[in-house]
């Protein structure tokens, strides 16, 4: 069974930092493109960042310079280090894995940034 389990969300003041983790089933981790998405209240789910096995990374413009995506292959885990958080970063953050044409989603972790 393929599982993606997010953790690390919580409450933080503006300017603070959080690191999100996503533990991914080994069965897909080595071949999957990994990503983080978020969905704020009343908004569509949007891409935050993604990374492939070879290391190519994409960030949304709104988080460039503040967020860093990385993966720890031996631990089958992808991270999203978030710094200089802003209230507009408040959202449910979802881990995503794309393996071929199949897309897997975690259940999400809430990030709330207060001003």
Protein backbone atom coordinates (compact mmCIF):
# COMPACT_ATOMS: atom_id res chain seq x y z
CA UNK A 1 0.00 0.00 0.00
CA UNK A 2 1.35 3.40 -0.98
CA UNK A 3 1.28 5.93 1.80
CA UNK A 4 2.30 9.54 2.12
CA UNK A 5 2.25 10.87 5.66
CA UNK A 6 2.83 14.55 6.34
CA UNK A 7 3.94 16.00 9.61
CA UNK A 8 5.41 19.18 11.00
CA UNK A 9 2.57 21.60 10.58
CA UNK A 10 1.48 23.89 13.33
CA UNK A 11 1.15 27.46 14.47
CA UNK A 12 3.88 30.00 13.99
CA UNK A 13 4.24 33.74 14.05
CA UNK A 14 5.02 35.68 10.93
CA UNK A 15 8.71 35.54 10.23
CA UNK A 16 9.07 32.16 11.86
CA UNK A 17 10.01 28.83 10.39
CA UNK A 18 8.62 25.34 10.12
CA UNK A 19 9.81 22.17 8.49
CA UNK A 20 7.30 19.82 6.99
CA UNK A 21 8.08 16.18 6.44
CA UNK A 22 6.50 13.63 4.19
CA UNK A 23 7.26 9.97 4.69
CA UNK A 24 6.74 8.10 1.46
CA UNK A 25 6.35 4.42 0.74
CA UNK A 26 9.60 3.01 -0.55
CA UNK A 27 7.75 1.27 -3.35
CA UNK A 28 7.38 4.55 -5.23
CA UNK A 29 9.83 6.96 -3.64
CA UNK A 30 12.84 6.18 -5.80
CA UNK A 31 11.03 6.79 -9.05
CA UNK A 32 8.48 9.40 -8.10
CA UNK A 33 8.54 13.11 -8.53
CA UNK A 34 7.74 14.60 -5.16
CA UNK A 35 5.95 17.81 -4.46
CA UNK A 36 4.31 20.00 -1.92
CA UNK A 37 1.00 21.67 -2.58
CA UNK A 38 -1.14 23.86 -0.41
CA UNK A 39 -4.72 24.93 -0.24
CA UNK A 40 -5.85 27.99 1.63
CA UNK A 41 -9.45 28.60 2.61
CA UNK A 42 -11.48 29.61 -0.40
CA UNK A 43 -8.62 29.02 -2.80
CA UNK A 44 -7.59 26.31 -5.19
CA UNK A 45 -4.87 23.87 -4.37
CA UNK A 46 -1.59 25.17 -5.73
CA UNK A 47 1.89 23.88 -6.27
CA UNK A 48 4.44 25.07 -3.74
CA UNK A 49 7.50 23.13 -4.84
CA UNK A 50 8.51 19.86 -6.39
CA UNK A 51 11.65 17.82 -6.77
CA UNK A 52 12.63 14.82 -8.81
CA UNK A 53 15.13 12.10 -8.06
CA UNK A 54 17.83 13.82 -10.09
CA UNK A 55 17.47 16.94 -8.00
CA UNK A 56 15.68 19.32 -10.32
CA UNK A 57 13.53 21.66 -8.28
CA UNK A 58 10.71 24.04 -9.01
CA UNK A 59 9.20 26.61 -6.70
CA UNK A 60 6.18 28.78 -6.99
CA UNK A 61 7.08 32.42 -7.28
CA UNK A 62 5.44 33.26 -3.98
CA UNK A 63 7.79 31.04 -1.98
CA UNK A 64 11.07 31.43 -3.83
CA UNK A 65 13.84 32.40 -1.49
CA UNK A 66 11.84 31.39 1.56
CA UNK A 67 11.04 27.70 1.13
CA UNK A 68 13.36 24.83 0.38
CA UNK A 69 12.34 21.38 -0.75
CA UNK A 70 14.68 18.47 -0.27
CA UNK A 71 14.61 14.72 -0.08
CA UNK A 72 16.40 12.21 2.08
CA UNK A 73 16.52 9.10 -0.02
CA UNK A 74 17.62 6.62 2.66
CA UNK A 75 14.72 7.78 4.84
CA UNK A 76 12.22 7.90 1.99
CA UNK A 77 11.27 11.37 3.12
CA UNK A 78 10.76 14.69 1.45
CA UNK A 79 10.95 17.94 3.38
CA UNK A 80 9.74 21.45 2.98
CA UNK A 81 11.73 23.92 5.01
CA UNK A 82 9.73 27.10 5.34
CA UNK A 83 11.32 30.30 6.52
CA UNK A 84 10.15 33.87 6.86
CA UNK A 85 6.60 32.65 6.96
CA UNK A 86 3.82 35.05 6.13
CA UNK A 87 0.15 34.99 7.05
CA UNK A 88 -0.66 34.30 3.41
CA UNK A 89 1.23 31.02 3.74
CA UNK A 90 -1.55 29.74 5.97
CA UNK A 91 -2.98 26.66 4.32
CA UNK A 92 -3.23 22.93 4.46
CA UNK A 93 -0.05 21.56 2.96
CA UNK A 94 -0.21 18.32 1.03
CA UNK A 95 2.54 15.98 0.03
CA UNK A 96 2.31 14.69 -3.50
CA UNK A 97 3.99 11.89 -5.36
CA UNK A 98 3.72 11.30 -9.06
CA UNK A 99 4.77 7.91 -10.30
CA UNK A 100 4.18 7.62 -13.99
CA UNK A 101 0.60 8.63 -14.53
CA UNK A 102 -0.41 7.81 -10.98
CA UNK A 103 -0.66 10.57 -8.41
CA UNK A 104 -0.69 10.00 -4.68
CA UNK A 105 -1.64 12.47 -1.99
CA UNK A 106 -1.13 12.68 1.70
CA UNK A 107 -3.84 13.77 4.08
CA UNK A 108 -2.35 17.19 4.63
CA UNK A 109 -0.94 19.12 7.53
CA UNK A 110 -2.19 22.49 8.68
CA UNK A 111 0.14 25.46 8.73
CA UNK A 112 -1.17 28.59 10.38
CA UNK A 113 0.88 31.78 10.38
CA UNK A 114 -0.24 34.59 12.62
CA UNK A 115 0.70 38.22 12.34
